[in-house]
Amino acid sequence: YAHVCHRDAENTIAAALVPGGKGYNPQLGDGVDVILGGGASYFTAKADGGKRNDGRNLLAEFKAQQYAVAANKADFDKLPVDGRSKMVGLFTKDHMAYDLDRDVAKEPSLAEMTTKAIDALAARKQGMFLMMEGGRIDHALHATTARYALGDTVAFDHAIQAALDRMQQIDPGLQNTLVVVT
């Protein structure tokens, strides 16, 4: 959804998500339906404890666009999957915790986020595309922390299984479902 020269341009990447806002990617039409993960500080101004220099509070802008917003597991559990609502859940200031360190009361698992996203998108009854990532696997491997890499690989595997299980309920036999894992 974002077109930037470097992946560390998190503020620019975050702004590309907010419908109608400065930096928004118009190719997204009326916006991405489900956004779940970490990086809340890139969505809030420095004055509010975030990392944005432009003073914008992108979470407030999402709310103004009628997105349901979650900041913790309790909020996440309440996010609507009614086929009409769009959602943003940002559960950490920066990257999500490694799964082995994850506080289950604060951060949903990758499998939980995957299932919630599928439920929300399937309720729209118009087909869907879902991209989910186990990004902390790469971080752990760069840091040469095999324990974390393995823990997050297992969490990623659980998310894939959760996706397959949920899609099997929606599309028995997965006749109209394509799953790509890289």
Protein backbone atom coordinates (compact mmCIF):
# COMPACT_ATOMS: atom_id res chain seq x y z
CA TYR A 1 0.00 0.00 0.00
CA ALA A 2 2.94 2.32 0.53
CA HIS A 3 5.50 3.37 -2.06
CA VAL A 4 8.65 4.62 -0.36
CA CYS A 5 12.35 4.31 -1.04
CA HIS A 6 13.22 2.80 2.36
CA ARG A 7 11.35 0.62 4.83
CA ASP A 8 12.52 2.80 7.73
CA ALA A 9 10.30 5.65 6.50
CA GLU A 10 7.65 4.50 8.98
CA ASN A 11 5.96 7.90 9.33
CA THR A 12 5.45 8.09 5.56
CA ILE A 13 4.30 4.48 5.42
CA ALA A 14 1.76 5.10 8.21
CA ALA A 15 0.40 8.24 6.50
CA ALA A 16 -0.20 6.28 3.28
CA LEU A 17 -2.93 4.34 5.11
CA VAL A 18 -5.21 7.20 6.22
CA PRO A 19 -8.00 7.81 3.68
CA GLY A 20 -7.97 11.37 2.41
CA GLY A 21 -5.00 12.45 4.51
CA LYS A 22 -1.74 13.99 3.31
CA GLY A 23 0.38 11.21 1.84
CA TYR A 24 -2.58 8.86 1.37
CA ASN A 25 -2.20 6.33 -1.42
CA PRO A 26 -5.28 6.99 -3.60
CA GLN A 27 -4.90 3.53 -5.16
CA LEU A 28 -6.45 2.25 -1.90
CA GLY A 29 -9.84 3.74 -2.81
CA ASP A 30 -11.79 4.22 0.42
CA GLY A 31 -9.06 2.58 2.49
CA VAL A 32 -7.71 -0.71 3.76
CA ASP A 33 -10.40 -2.57 5.70
CA VAL A 34 -8.26 -4.26 8.39
CA ILE A 35 -4.95 -3.02 9.83
CA LEU A 36 -3.52 -4.95 12.79
CA GLY A 37 -0.05 -4.98 14.31
CA GLY A 38 2.43 -2.70 16.02
CA GLY A 39 3.97 0.69 15.38
CA ALA A 40 1.50 3.01 17.14
CA SER A 41 4.21 5.66 17.67
CA TYR A 42 4.37 6.24 13.91
CA PHE A 43 0.68 7.14 13.96
CA THR A 44 0.90 9.75 16.75
CA ALA A 45 2.64 13.11 17.14
CA LYS A 46 5.76 13.66 19.22
CA ALA A 47 3.69 15.89 21.52
CA ASP A 48 1.53 12.83 22.28
CA GLY A 49 4.49 10.51 22.87
CA GLY A 50 4.75 9.36 19.25
CA LYS A 51 7.36 9.83 16.55
CA ARG A 52 5.53 12.04 14.04
CA ASN A 53 7.14 15.43 13.34
CA ASP A 54 4.10 16.72 11.45
CA GLY A 55 1.86 16.91 14.53
CA ARG A 56 -0.73 14.53 13.04
CA ASN A 57 -2.58 11.97 15.08
CA LEU A 58 -3.38 9.36 12.45
CA LEU A 59 -5.42 7.30 14.93
CA ALA A 60 -7.77 10.28 15.41
CA GLU A 61 -7.91 10.63 11.62
CA PHE A 62 -8.86 6.95 11.33
CA LYS A 63 -11.61 7.45 13.92
CA ALA A 64 -12.89 10.43 11.92
CA GLN A 65 -13.09 8.05 8.93
CA GLN A 66 -15.28 5.71 11.05
CA TYR A 67 -12.58 3.10 11.70
CA ALA A 68 -12.86 1.15 14.95
CA VAL A 69 -9.54 1.56 16.79
CA ALA A 70 -7.94 -0.84 19.29
CA ALA A 71 -4.82 -0.33 21.41
CA ASN A 72 -4.79 -3.53 23.49
CA LYS A 73 -6.17 -7.07 23.63
CA ALA A 74 -9.40 -6.03 25.38
CA ASP A 75 -10.10 -3.43 22.65
CA PHE A 76 -9.15 -6.00 20.00
CA ASP A 77 -11.69 -8.48 21.36
CA LYS A 78 -14.41 -5.83 20.91
CA LEU A 79 -13.54 -4.92 17.30
CA PRO A 80 -16.64 -5.41 15.12
CA VAL A 81 -16.77 -8.06 12.41
CA ASP A 82 -20.12 -6.91 11.03
CA GLY A 83 -19.21 -6.60 7.35
CA ARG A 84 -19.40 -2.80 7.43
CA SER A 85 -16.81 -1.60 9.93
CA LYS A 86 -13.16 -1.03 9.18
CA MET A 87 -10.58 -1.54 11.90
CA VAL A 88 -7.15 -0.46 13.07
CA GLY A 89 -5.44 -2.25 15.94
CA LEU A 90 -1.99 -1.05 16.96
CA PHE A 91 -0.89 -2.90 20.08
CA THR A 92 2.69 -1.70 20.64
CA LYS A 93 4.59 1.54 20.14
CA ASP A 94 7.08 -0.12 17.81
CA HIS A 95 7.40 -3.74 16.70
CA MET A 96 5.17 -6.39 18.22
CA ALA A 97 6.87 -8.38 20.98
CA TYR A 98 8.52 -11.65 20.14
CA ASP A 99 5.86 -14.29 20.72
CA LEU A 100 7.85 -15.78 23.61
CA ASP A 101 7.77 -12.37 25.36
CA ARG A 102 4.23 -11.38 24.33
CA ASP A 103 1.96 -10.18 27.13
CA VAL A 104 -1.24 -12.01 26.20
CA ALA A 105 -3.32 -9.45 28.12
CA LYS A 106 -1.99 -6.64 25.91
CA GLU A 107 -1.12 -8.11 22.50
CA PRO A 108 -3.23 -10.55 20.49
CA SER A 109 -1.35 -13.40 18.86
CA LEU A 110 -0.69 -13.49 15.13
CA ALA A 111 -3.22 -16.34 14.91
CA GLU A 112 -5.86 -14.27 16.73
CA MET A 113 -5.25 -11.26 14.47
CA THR A 114 -5.42 -13.50 11.39
CA THR A 115 -8.72 -15.04 12.47
CA LYS A 116 -10.23 -11.64 13.35
CA ALA A 117 -9.15 -10.24 9.97
CA ILE A 118 -10.66 -13.19 8.09
CA ASP A 119 -13.92 -12.87 10.03
CA ALA A 120 -14.13 -9.14 9.33
CA LEU A 121 -13.33 -9.52 5.64
CA ALA A 122 -15.54 -12.58 5.10
CA ALA A 123 -18.50 -10.70 6.59
CA ARG A 124 -18.29 -8.31 3.63
CA LYS A 125 -19.34 -11.17 1.33
CA GLN A 126 -17.31 -9.93 -1.64
CA GLY A 127 -14.12 -11.95 -1.65
CA MET A 128 -10.97 -10.84 0.10
CA PHE A 129 -7.24 -10.49 0.08
CA LEU A 130 -5.37 -10.85 3.36
CA MET A 131 -1.66 -10.41 3.84
CA MET A 132 -0.24 -11.36 7.20
CA GLU A 133 3.38 -11.42 8.20
CA GLY A 134 5.48 -13.02 10.89
CA GLY A 135 7.97 -10.17 10.69
CA ARG A 136 9.73 -10.84 13.97
CA ILE A 137 11.20 -14.07 12.55
CA ASP A 138 13.48 -11.94 10.37
CA HIS A 139 14.38 -9.64 13.26
CA ALA A 140 15.36 -12.60 15.43
CA LEU A 141 17.49 -14.10 12.68
CA HIS A 142 19.31 -10.81 12.10
CA ALA A 143 19.99 -10.67 15.83
CA THR A 144 21.07 -14.34 15.79
CA THR A 145 18.59 -15.24 18.51
CA ALA A 146 17.49 -18.69 17.39
CA ARG A 147 15.11 -19.15 20.32
CA TYR A 148 13.07 -16.11 19.29
CA ALA A 149 13.24 -17.02 15.61
CA LEU A 150 11.90 -20.48 16.36
CA GLY A 151 9.22 -19.14 18.72
CA ASP A 152 7.97 -16.70 16.12
CA THR A 153 8.13 -19.34 13.39
CA VAL A 154 5.88 -21.54 15.51
CA ALA A 155 3.52 -18.57 16.06
CA PHE A 156 3.51 -17.97 12.29
CA ASP A 157 2.72 -21.65 11.72
CA HIS A 158 -0.19 -21.37 14.18
CA ALA A 159 -1.47 -18.32 12.27
CA ILE A 160 -1.31 -20.21 8.97
CA GLN A 161 -3.21 -23.13 10.52
CA ALA A 162 -5.78 -20.72 12.00
CA ALA A 163 -6.25 -19.17 8.54
CA LEU A 164 -6.70 -22.56 6.90
CA ASP A 165 -9.14 -23.70 9.59
CA ARG A 166 -11.24 -20.53 9.35
CA MET A 167 -11.23 -20.54 5.55
CA GLN A 168 -12.23 -24.22 5.56
CA GLN A 169 -15.37 -23.14 7.47
CA ILE A 170 -16.07 -20.33 4.99
CA ASP A 171 -15.03 -22.17 1.82
CA PRO A 172 -15.30 -25.94 2.44
CA GLY A 173 -12.61 -27.77 0.51
CA LEU A 174 -10.90 -24.41 -0.14
CA GLN A 175 -12.29 -24.48 -3.69
CA ASN A 176 -12.06 -20.69 -4.03
CA THR A 177 -9.14 -20.01 -1.71
CA LEU A 178 -5.50 -19.48 -2.55
CA VAL A 179 -2.96 -19.48 0.27
CA VAL A 180 0.63 -18.49 -0.46
CA VAL A 181 3.30 -18.80 2.22
CA THR A 182 6.80 -17.46 1.64
